[in-house]
Amino acid sequence: MKKNIVRTYYLLADFLAALLAWISFYIARKYVTADYNESVWFTLLESGAVIGLFWLLVYAIAGFYVQVYRRSRVKEVLSILAVSFVGVSIISVAILLDDDVAGHSSFYFYTFAYFLIHSFWELLLRVSVTTHLHRLIRKGIIYFNTVIVGSEQKAKEIYEELKSSNSFLGNRILGYVHTAEEREHLLTEIPHLGSYTNLENIIQEKSLTQVVIATEPSEHKLIEDILNRVEGTNVNVSIIPDLYQILIGAVRVSHVFGTPLVEIRQELMPVWQQVVKRGMDIGASLAVLTIGSPFYLFVSLMTKFSSEGPIFYSQERIGKGGLPFRIYKFRSMYTNAEQAGPALSSDHDPRITPWGRFMRKTRIDEFPQFYNVLIGDMSLVGPRPERQYFIDQIVKVAPHYKHLNRVRPGITSLGQVKYGYAENVEQMVRRLKYDIIYIENMSLAMDFRIMIYTVLTVLKGSGK
């Protein structure tokens, strides 16, 4: 069953639950106040539809439609109660507070009553959908194509463990992919699919949903190589932990009877933070582009009169998902600066104009990129985008650079704040460490800190 179909089931269940809860609450309230009137049904259904759409938005922001399979019913109950409390509070303040209620006690009573009614219908319908999906997974109607990556012995151990304890998770193990050259492949339980160096093709050919890495935890380089090869593919990746990882708390078991796995995060930020981050991008871009128009005019005139050439400079860069886009900057170099081919700038680069050197110190040359942020090519905070020419060189030295394609590039970044402009590929690789740290610790709080440091850099003119 396709994920979009399952997601539709949840959407319909949530909308119906919200509608039934609103109607039940309305009837109960009218009954208590002895003011029930049948003529309000049409208006009630209209308001119920609006309330239903509101709840879909709330649940979407809470991330209820991201992972639609393998949902823990216990966690789902707790999540529903927590999110319902927030949603009911918003509706109560927006609607019930303006109603003709007899004091605060009535307001609190109606709010609590609506919370109970909404939670009842939501738990009933959503948990029913989740339970039905669990049954389909147990029966093998819904399944997830899985391969094990590791040595033959490790693959056999993990296969037997997954087969005995994880049938309810729906893993259909299609075979194993070896990580070391072996003379013979004697494992008869599951097919041998080839070497991990061909993992990208195997993922496509077998329509894989999950990859389980069963290597020795000490094989850091091997694990890194495997993760780099699956980067950009739409598969869930899990690693079999050792005792040390369990003791330090790196292992989180989603299902009590399941095999303990270290899950590689697919969603780097909670959905609500993603929504807020994008909202901040749009709001800040609109504010800078409109309110800051006199500043743009001043910089444009200075750029125009400081040297011959256009005011703006555009260049193709690589963004999220490896897709190219055109980035815009105030021109800081003399025209035809790259006649000899692509080259990175340095502190004493003769190609940079005197005004351009000041703009780079204060990051003013980056201001046109607020347009890139507005249209969704970039974000306020994210790894700086590079040209494909340099990416090809970086990947040869640091294959994990591909992890940067998981997020939108940014006007400023942790690497930019901590390291500054890179003058060669070696420095790009050094700066990459900070960008990886940012991606693995993405949060709104991290973005705020980076933006504060960026503002200080602009005010001090201490950019590198």
Protein backbone atom coordinates (compact mmCIF):
# COMPACT_ATOMS: atom_id res chain seq x y z
CA MET A 1 0.00 0.00 0.00
CA LYS A 2 1.47 3.34 -1.07
CA LYS A 3 2.39 5.90 1.56
CA ASN A 4 0.15 8.57 -0.01
CA ILE A 5 -2.88 6.29 0.30
CA VAL A 6 -2.13 5.58 3.97
CA ARG A 7 -1.60 9.30 4.56
CA THR A 8 -5.02 9.95 2.98
CA TYR A 9 -6.62 7.49 5.41
CA TYR A 10 -5.15 9.41 8.33
CA LEU A 11 -6.22 12.76 6.86
CA LEU A 12 -9.79 11.56 6.43
CA ALA A 13 -9.85 10.04 9.91
CA ASP A 14 -8.54 13.24 11.49
CA PHE A 15 -10.95 15.46 9.57
CA LEU A 16 -13.94 13.24 10.42
CA ALA A 17 -12.89 13.09 14.08
CA ALA A 18 -12.61 16.88 14.25
CA LEU A 19 -15.99 17.33 12.57
CA LEU A 20 -17.76 14.80 14.82
CA ALA A 21 -16.11 16.27 17.90
CA TRP A 22 -17.24 19.79 17.01
CA ILE A 23 -20.81 18.69 16.31
CA SER A 24 -20.90 16.60 19.51
CA PHE A 25 -19.55 19.52 21.52
CA TYR A 26 -22.08 21.92 20.00
CA ILE A 27 -25.02 19.61 20.72
CA ALA A 28 -23.82 18.89 24.26
CA ARG A 29 -23.39 22.58 24.95
CA LYS A 30 -26.80 23.50 23.60
CA TYR A 31 -28.34 20.68 25.62
CA VAL A 32 -26.68 21.86 28.83
CA THR A 33 -27.79 25.47 28.27
CA ALA A 34 -31.22 24.38 27.00
CA ASP A 35 -30.79 26.50 23.90
CA TYR A 36 -30.72 23.86 21.14
CA ASN A 37 -32.03 24.95 17.72
CA GLU A 38 -32.24 22.61 14.67
CA SER A 39 -32.01 25.53 12.25
CA VAL A 40 -28.28 25.91 12.93
CA TRP A 41 -27.26 22.63 11.25
CA PHE A 42 -26.05 24.17 8.00
CA THR A 43 -23.98 26.79 9.80
CA LEU A 44 -22.74 24.12 12.18
CA LEU A 45 -21.48 21.94 9.33
CA GLU A 46 -19.75 24.93 7.75
CA SER A 47 -17.98 25.86 10.98
CA GLY A 48 -17.21 22.16 11.54
CA ALA A 49 -15.48 21.99 8.15
CA VAL A 50 -13.33 25.01 9.01
CA ILE A 51 -12.48 23.49 12.40
CA GLY A 52 -11.60 20.22 10.65
CA LEU A 53 -9.15 21.98 8.31
CA PHE A 54 -7.64 23.74 11.31
CA TRP A 55 -6.98 20.42 13.00
CA LEU A 56 -5.39 18.98 9.85
CA LEU A 57 -3.00 21.95 9.86
CA VAL A 58 -2.20 21.43 13.55
CA TYR A 59 -1.51 17.72 13.07
CA ALA A 60 0.57 18.38 9.96
CA ILE A 61 2.74 20.87 11.87
CA ALA A 62 3.06 18.30 14.68
CA GLY A 63 4.44 15.80 12.16
CA PHE A 64 1.55 13.32 12.24
CA TYR A 65 1.74 12.71 8.48
CA VAL A 66 5.50 12.27 8.09
CA GLN A 67 5.93 8.70 9.34
CA VAL A 68 2.66 6.91 8.61
CA TYR A 69 3.87 3.32 9.02
CA ARG A 70 5.04 1.49 12.14
CA ARG A 71 3.40 3.98 14.48
CA SER A 72 3.45 2.99 18.15
CA ARG A 73 -0.10 3.17 19.46
CA VAL A 74 1.05 4.09 22.97
CA LYS A 75 3.14 6.99 21.65
CA GLU A 76 0.31 7.97 19.34
CA VAL A 77 -2.15 8.21 22.24
CA LEU A 78 0.24 10.44 24.20
CA SER A 79 0.95 12.60 21.14
CA ILE A 80 -2.74 13.02 20.38
CA LEU A 81 -3.51 14.11 23.94
CA ALA A 82 -0.63 16.62 23.95
CA VAL A 83 -1.43 18.11 20.52
CA SER A 84 -5.17 18.11 21.24
CA PHE A 85 -4.56 20.14 24.38
CA VAL A 86 -2.67 22.77 22.36
CA GLY A 87 -5.27 22.84 19.57
CA VAL A 88 -8.23 23.04 21.95
CA SER A 89 -6.54 25.89 23.83
CA ILE A 90 -6.17 27.86 20.58
CA ILE A 91 -9.81 27.27 19.57
CA SER A 92 -11.05 28.15 23.05
CA VAL A 93 -9.20 31.45 23.12
CA ALA A 94 -10.17 32.30 19.52
CA ILE A 95 -13.84 31.27 19.66
CA LEU A 96 -15.17 30.30 23.09
CA LEU A 97 -13.64 33.27 24.91
CA ASP A 98 -15.77 35.65 22.84
CA ASP A 99 -18.94 33.64 23.45
CA ASP A 100 -21.60 34.70 25.90
CA VAL A 101 -20.40 32.57 28.83
CA ALA A 102 -21.19 33.09 32.48
CA GLY A 103 -17.73 33.93 33.75
CA HIS A 104 -14.38 32.18 33.66
CA SER A 105 -15.68 28.99 35.28
CA SER A 106 -17.96 28.34 32.32
CA PHE A 107 -15.12 29.03 29.88
CA TYR A 108 -12.84 26.52 31.60
CA PHE A 109 -15.68 23.99 31.80
CA TYR A 110 -16.47 24.23 28.08
CA THR A 111 -12.77 24.09 27.18
CA PHE A 112 -12.24 20.94 29.21
CA ALA A 113 -15.42 19.39 27.80
CA TYR A 114 -14.32 20.10 24.23
CA PHE A 115 -10.87 18.62 24.98
CA LEU A 116 -12.45 15.39 26.24
CA ILE A 117 -14.85 15.13 23.31
CA HIS A 118 -12.22 15.90 20.69
CA SER A 119 -9.69 13.51 22.25
CA PHE A 120 -12.30 10.73 22.35
CA TRP A 121 -13.17 10.96 18.64
CA GLU A 122 -9.56 11.49 17.56
CA LEU A 123 -8.28 8.53 19.58
CA LEU A 124 -11.11 6.33 18.36
CA LEU A 125 -10.64 6.98 14.65
CA ARG A 126 -6.87 7.47 14.41
CA VAL A 127 -5.95 4.51 16.61
CA SER A 128 -8.43 2.42 14.60
CA VAL A 129 -6.55 3.29 11.40
CA THR A 130 -3.21 2.52 13.07
CA THR A 131 -4.49 -0.82 14.37
CA HIS A 132 -5.81 -1.74 10.92
CA LEU A 133 -2.41 -0.95 9.39
CA HIS A 134 -0.70 -3.12 12.02
CA ARG A 135 -2.92 -6.03 10.99
CA LEU A 136 -2.06 -5.53 7.33
CA ILE A 137 1.65 -5.51 8.18
CA ARG A 138 1.35 -8.71 10.24
CA LYS A 139 -0.46 -10.42 7.37
CA GLY A 140 2.23 -9.37 4.92
CA ILE A 141 -0.12 -7.21 2.85
CA ILE A 142 2.00 -4.18 3.70
CA TYR A 143 5.73 -4.86 3.68
CA PHE A 144 9.05 -3.06 3.38
CA ASN A 145 11.76 -4.34 1.07
CA THR A 146 14.93 -4.64 3.14
CA VAL A 147 18.55 -5.63 2.59
CA ILE A 148 21.29 -6.32 5.12
CA VAL A 149 24.73 -4.83 4.48
CA GLY A 150 27.61 -6.68 6.10
CA SER A 151 29.67 -9.85 6.14
CA GLU A 152 28.01 -13.22 5.54
CA GLN A 153 28.21 -14.19 9.21
CA LYS A 154 26.81 -10.86 10.40
CA ALA A 155 24.06 -10.97 7.79
CA LYS A 156 23.02 -14.43 8.96
CA GLU A 157 22.86 -13.35 12.61
CA ILE A 158 20.80 -10.26 11.87
CA TYR A 159 18.53 -12.12 9.45
CA GLU A 160 17.65 -14.73 12.07
CA GLU A 161 17.03 -12.07 14.71
CA LEU A 162 14.88 -9.92 12.45
CA LYS A 163 12.92 -12.94 11.27
CA SER A 164 12.14 -14.13 14.80
CA SER A 165 11.37 -10.84 16.52
CA ASN A 166 10.34 -8.31 13.91
CA SER A 167 7.67 -9.93 11.77
CA PHE A 168 5.20 -7.30 12.99
CA LEU A 169 7.42 -4.57 11.49
CA GLY A 170 6.91 -5.90 7.98
CA ASN A 171 10.55 -6.28 6.91
CA ARG A 172 10.73 -8.38 3.76
CA ILE A 173 14.43 -9.23 3.60
CA LEU A 174 15.39 -9.62 -0.05
CA GLY A 175 19.01 -10.53 0.56
CA TYR A 176 22.34 -9.32 1.85
CA VAL A 177 25.07 -7.17 0.36
CA HIS A 178 28.62 -8.06 1.33
CA THR A 179 31.19 -5.55 2.56
CA ALA A 180 34.28 -7.74 2.19
CA GLU A 181 35.45 -10.02 -0.56
CA GLU A 182 34.63 -13.61 0.32
CA ARG A 183 35.61 -16.70 -1.59
CA GLU A 184 32.24 -18.36 -1.30
CA HIS A 185 28.74 -17.29 -0.32
CA LEU A 186 27.31 -20.21 1.61
CA LEU A 187 24.36 -18.41 3.21
CA THR A 188 21.33 -20.19 1.76
CA GLU A 189 18.55 -18.52 3.76
CA ILE A 190 18.69 -15.26 1.81
CA PRO A 191 20.15 -14.36 -1.61
CA HIS A 192 23.50 -12.68 -2.07
CA LEU A 193 22.92 -9.45 -4.02
CA GLY A 194 26.49 -8.34 -4.60
CA SER A 195 28.92 -5.80 -3.17
CA TYR A 196 28.02 -2.70 -1.18
CA THR A 197 29.87 -0.65 -3.80
CA ASN A 198 26.86 -1.29 -6.04
CA LEU A 199 24.35 -0.39 -3.31
CA GLU A 200 22.81 2.56 -5.17
CA ASN A 201 21.83 0.34 -8.12
CA ILE A 202 20.54 -2.41 -5.81
CA ILE A 203 18.30 0.12 -4.04
CA GLN A 204 16.73 1.12 -7.35
CA GLU A 205 16.46 -2.39 -8.81
CA LYS A 206 14.88 -3.90 -5.70
CA SER A 207 12.75 -0.84 -4.77
CA LEU A 208 14.19 -0.93 -1.28
CA THR A 209 12.58 0.79 1.68
CA GLN A 210 15.15 -0.03 4.36
CA VAL A 211 18.85 -0.80 4.63
CA VAL A 212 20.21 -2.44 7.80
CA ILE A 213 23.96 -1.98 8.26
CA ALA A 214 25.41 -4.99 10.09
CA THR A 215 29.11 -4.19 10.34
CA GLU A 216 31.49 -3.99 13.25
CA PRO A 217 31.06 -0.62 15.02
CA SER A 218 34.84 -0.12 14.85
CA GLU A 219 34.68 -0.04 11.04
CA HIS A 220 34.06 3.71 10.97
CA LYS A 221 35.39 4.30 7.47
CA LEU A 222 33.28 1.48 6.06
CA ILE A 223 30.10 2.74 7.75
CA GLU A 224 30.83 6.26 6.50
CA ASP A 225 31.31 4.92 2.96
CA ILE A 226 27.99 3.05 3.10
CA LEU A 227 26.14 6.11 4.40
CA ASN A 228 27.64 8.25 1.65
CA ARG A 229 26.44 5.75 -0.96
CA VAL A 230 22.83 5.77 0.30
CA GLU A 231 22.74 9.55 0.70
CA GLY A 232 20.11 11.00 -1.61
CA THR A 233 18.15 7.75 -1.86
CA ASN A 234 14.70 7.46 -0.33
CA VAL A 235 15.48 4.63 2.11
CA ASN A 236 15.50 4.34 5.87
CA VAL A 237 18.90 3.36 7.24
CA SER A 238 19.51 1.52 10.52
CA ILE A 239 22.72 0.36 12.18
CA ILE A 240 23.09 -2.60 14.50
CA PRO A 241 24.62 -1.14 17.69
CA ASP A 242 27.26 -2.64 19.96
CA LEU A 243 27.20 -2.73 23.75
CA TYR A 244 29.10 0.58 24.01
CA GLN A 245 26.49 2.44 21.96
CA ILE A 246 23.72 0.93 24.09
CA LEU A 247 25.46 1.98 27.33
CA ILE A 248 26.01 5.59 26.23
CA GLY A 249 22.32 5.89 25.32
CA ALA A 250 22.65 6.07 21.53
CA VAL A 251 20.04 3.34 21.02
CA ARG A 252 16.34 4.15 21.03
CA VAL A 253 13.94 1.24 20.74
CA SER A 254 10.66 2.23 19.09
CA HIS A 255 9.04 -1.15 19.68
CA VAL A 256 9.44 -3.08 22.92
CA PHE A 257 9.94 -6.44 21.26
CA GLY A 258 11.95 -5.21 18.31
CA THR A 259 15.62 -5.59 17.52
CA PRO A 260 17.53 -2.60 18.96
CA LEU A 261 18.63 -0.38 16.08
CA VAL A 262 20.32 2.98 15.76
CA GLU A 263 18.14 4.79 13.26
CA ILE A 264 19.76 7.34 10.98
CA ARG A 265 17.53 10.42 11.14
CA GLN A 266 15.63 11.20 7.97
CA GLU A 267 13.90 14.33 9.28
CA LEU A 268 16.57 16.72 10.55
CA MET A 269 14.09 19.06 12.27
CA PRO A 270 10.60 18.54 13.71
CA VAL A 271 7.94 19.49 11.18
CA TRP A 272 6.72 22.46 13.21
CA GLN A 273 10.27 23.84 13.30
CA GLN A 274 10.56 23.36 9.53
CA VAL A 275 7.35 25.37 9.09
CA VAL A 276 8.58 28.13 11.41
CA LYS A 277 11.99 28.19 9.70
CA ARG A 278 10.40 28.61 6.27
CA GLY A 279 8.03 31.24 7.66
CA MET A 280 11.01 33.15 9.06
CA ASP A 281 12.74 32.91 5.68
CA ILE A 282 9.76 34.40 3.85
CA GLY A 283 9.05 37.07 6.48
CA ALA A 284 12.67 38.21 6.79
CA SER A 285 13.17 38.25 3.01
CA LEU A 286 10.08 40.35 2.39
CA ALA A 287 11.10 42.76 5.16
CA VAL A 288 14.68 43.17 3.89
CA LEU A 289 13.67 43.49 0.22
CA THR A 290 11.00 46.13 0.95
CA ILE A 291 12.17 48.10 3.98
CA GLY A 292 15.79 47.83 2.89
CA SER A 293 15.18 49.10 -0.65
CA PRO A 294 17.02 52.44 0.01
CA PHE A 295 20.01 50.43 1.23
CA TYR A 296 19.89 48.29 -1.93
CA LEU A 297 19.79 51.46 -4.02
CA PHE A 298 22.83 52.90 -2.21
CA VAL A 299 24.88 49.69 -2.62
CA SER A 300 23.82 49.44 -6.27
CA LEU A 301 25.06 52.97 -6.98
CA MET A 302 28.34 52.37 -5.15
CA THR A 303 28.88 49.14 -7.09
CA LYS A 304 28.06 50.80 -10.39
CA PHE A 305 30.36 53.81 -9.92
CA SER A 306 33.23 51.95 -8.20
CA SER A 307 34.15 49.94 -11.32
CA GLU A 308 32.87 49.15 -14.77
CA GLY A 309 30.41 46.30 -15.12
CA PRO A 310 26.94 45.23 -14.03
CA ILE A 311 25.61 45.81 -10.54
CA PHE A 312 24.54 42.24 -9.93
CA TYR A 313 26.35 38.99 -10.55
CA SER A 314 24.64 35.62 -10.96
CA GLN A 315 26.14 32.16 -10.98
CA GLU A 316 24.88 28.59 -11.02
CA ARG A 317 25.18 26.82 -7.67
CA ILE A 318 23.98 23.45 -6.38
CA GLY A 319 21.13 23.45 -3.87
CA LYS A 320 18.96 21.02 -1.95
CA GLY A 321 18.70 17.60 -3.52
CA GLY A 322 21.61 18.37 -5.81
CA LEU A 323 19.45 20.65 -7.98
CA PRO A 324 21.11 23.65 -9.65
CA PHE A 325 19.85 27.21 -9.21
CA ARG A 326 21.14 30.70 -9.93
CA ILE A 327 22.49 32.65 -6.98
CA TYR A 328 22.54 36.49 -7.01
CA LYS A 329 25.14 38.80 -5.45
CA PHE A 330 26.33 42.38 -5.71
CA ARG A 331 29.32 42.25 -8.04
CA SER A 332 32.52 42.41 -5.98
CA MET A 333 35.04 41.58 -8.73
CA TYR A 334 36.16 43.21 -11.92
CA THR A 335 34.40 41.96 -15.05
CA ASN A 336 35.75 38.84 -16.78
CA ALA A 337 37.46 37.81 -13.53
CA GLU A 338 37.32 34.12 -14.43
CA GLN A 339 38.54 34.14 -17.99
CA ALA A 340 41.13 31.52 -17.03
CA GLY A 341 38.46 29.27 -15.53
CA PRO A 342 36.73 28.83 -12.14
CA ALA A 343 38.83 29.98 -9.19
CA LEU A 344 38.22 30.68 -5.52
CA SER A 345 38.94 34.10 -4.07
CA SER A 346 41.61 34.86 -1.46
CA ASP A 347 42.32 37.62 1.05
CA HIS A 348 44.50 39.55 -1.41
CA ASP A 349 42.76 38.53 -4.63
CA PRO A 350 43.55 41.15 -7.29
CA ARG A 351 40.25 40.37 -9.02
CA ILE A 352 38.28 41.95 -6.16
CA THR A 353 37.49 45.66 -6.42
CA PRO A 354 38.23 47.98 -3.44
CA TRP A 355 34.48 48.42 -2.87
CA GLY A 356 33.99 44.68 -3.35
CA ARG A 357 36.58 44.00 -0.63
CA PHE A 358 34.57 46.11 1.80
CA MET A 359 31.35 44.37 0.81
CA ARG A 360 32.91 40.98 1.41
CA LYS A 361 34.20 42.02 4.83
CA THR A 362 30.71 43.13 5.84
CA ARG A 363 28.86 40.43 3.84
CA ILE A 364 26.94 43.17 1.98
CA ASP A 365 27.53 41.41 -1.33
CA GLU A 366 25.28 38.57 -0.15
CA PHE A 367 22.17 40.75 0.33
CA PRO A 368 20.59 40.04 -3.10
CA GLN A 369 20.32 36.42 -1.99
CA PHE A 370 17.28 37.36 0.09
CA TYR A 371 15.49 37.01 -3.26
CA ASN A 372 16.81 33.42 -3.50
CA VAL A 373 15.49 32.85 0.01
CA LEU A 374 12.08 34.27 -0.86
CA ILE A 375 11.58 31.96 -3.86
CA GLY A 376 12.76 28.89 -1.92
CA ASP A 377 16.19 28.24 -3.47
CA MET A 378 17.91 29.13 -0.21
CA SER A 379 17.31 29.69 3.49
CA LEU A 380 18.57 32.33 5.89
CA VAL A 381 20.79 29.73 7.56
CA GLY A 382 22.30 26.71 5.85
CA PRO A 383 25.55 25.50 4.29
CA ARG A 384 26.90 27.87 1.66
CA PRO A 385 26.16 26.59 -1.87
CA GLU A 386 29.05 25.73 -4.16
CA ARG A 387 29.58 25.30 -7.87
CA GLN A 388 29.52 21.81 -9.34
CA TYR A 389 33.12 22.31 -10.51
CA PHE A 390 34.36 22.56 -6.92
CA ILE A 391 31.91 19.99 -5.55
CA ASP A 392 33.42 17.38 -7.88
CA GLN A 393 36.85 18.14 -6.39
CA ILE A 394 35.61 18.14 -2.79
CA VAL A 395 33.79 14.81 -3.12
CA LYS A 396 37.04 13.12 -4.19
CA VAL A 397 38.59 14.10 -0.86
CA ALA A 398 35.47 14.19 1.35
CA PRO A 399 32.61 12.03 -0.04
CA HIS A 400 30.43 13.05 2.92
CA TYR A 401 30.01 16.47 1.28
CA LYS A 402 26.87 14.98 -0.31
CA HIS A 403 25.18 15.23 3.10
CA LEU A 404 24.95 18.99 2.57
CA ASN A 405 22.40 18.39 -0.18
CA ARG A 406 19.89 17.31 2.46
CA VAL A 407 19.06 20.93 3.32
CA ARG A 408 18.59 24.26 1.59
CA PRO A 409 21.81 26.26 1.32
CA GLY A 410 21.88 29.50 3.28
CA ILE A 411 22.96 33.12 3.15
CA THR A 412 24.98 32.44 6.27
CA SER A 413 26.13 29.22 7.90
CA LEU A 414 28.03 27.85 10.85
CA GLY A 415 30.95 27.21 8.52
CA GLN A 416 30.82 30.80 7.27
CA VAL A 417 30.71 32.18 10.83
CA LYS A 418 33.40 29.88 12.24
CA TYR A 419 35.70 29.71 9.22
CA GLY A 420 34.78 32.32 6.63
CA TYR A 421 35.42 32.18 2.89
CA ALA A 422 37.49 29.22 1.69
CA GLU A 423 40.41 29.96 -0.62
CA ASN A 424 40.99 26.39 -1.85
CA VAL A 425 39.51 22.90 -1.78
CA GLU A 426 41.47 21.99 1.33
CA GLN A 427 39.91 24.87 3.25
CA MET A 428 36.49 23.90 1.87
CA VAL A 429 36.95 20.46 3.39
CA ARG A 430 37.92 22.00 6.74
CA ARG A 431 34.85 24.24 6.68
CA LEU A 432 32.72 21.22 5.80
CA LYS A 433 33.11 19.92 9.35
CA TYR A 434 31.14 22.87 10.72
CA ASP A 435 28.39 22.46 8.11
CA ILE A 436 27.98 18.78 9.02
CA ILE A 437 27.78 19.75 12.70
CA TYR A 438 25.04 22.23 11.82
CA ILE A 439 23.02 19.68 9.81
CA GLU A 440 23.21 17.06 12.56
CA ASN A 441 22.12 19.63 15.18
CA MET A 442 19.62 21.67 13.19
CA SER A 443 17.16 23.63 15.30
CA LEU A 444 15.63 27.07 15.47
CA ALA A 445 17.87 27.85 18.45
CA MET A 446 20.96 27.00 16.36
CA ASP A 447 19.69 29.23 13.54
CA PHE A 448 19.17 32.15 15.92
CA ARG A 449 22.70 31.82 17.31
CA ILE A 450 24.23 31.74 13.82
CA MET A 451 22.20 34.79 12.73
CA ILE A 452 23.34 36.74 15.83
CA TYR A 453 26.99 35.94 15.08
CA THR A 454 26.44 36.94 11.45
CA VAL A 455 24.95 40.30 12.45
CA LEU A 456 27.96 40.92 14.72
CA THR A 457 30.28 40.03 11.84
CA VAL A 458 28.49 42.53 9.57
CA LEU A 459 28.61 45.30 12.19
CA LYS A 460 32.28 44.70 12.99
CA GLY A 461 33.29 44.13 9.38
CA SER A 462 35.37 41.16 10.53
CA GLY A 463 34.35 38.72 7.83
CA LYS A 464 37.07 36.60 6.24
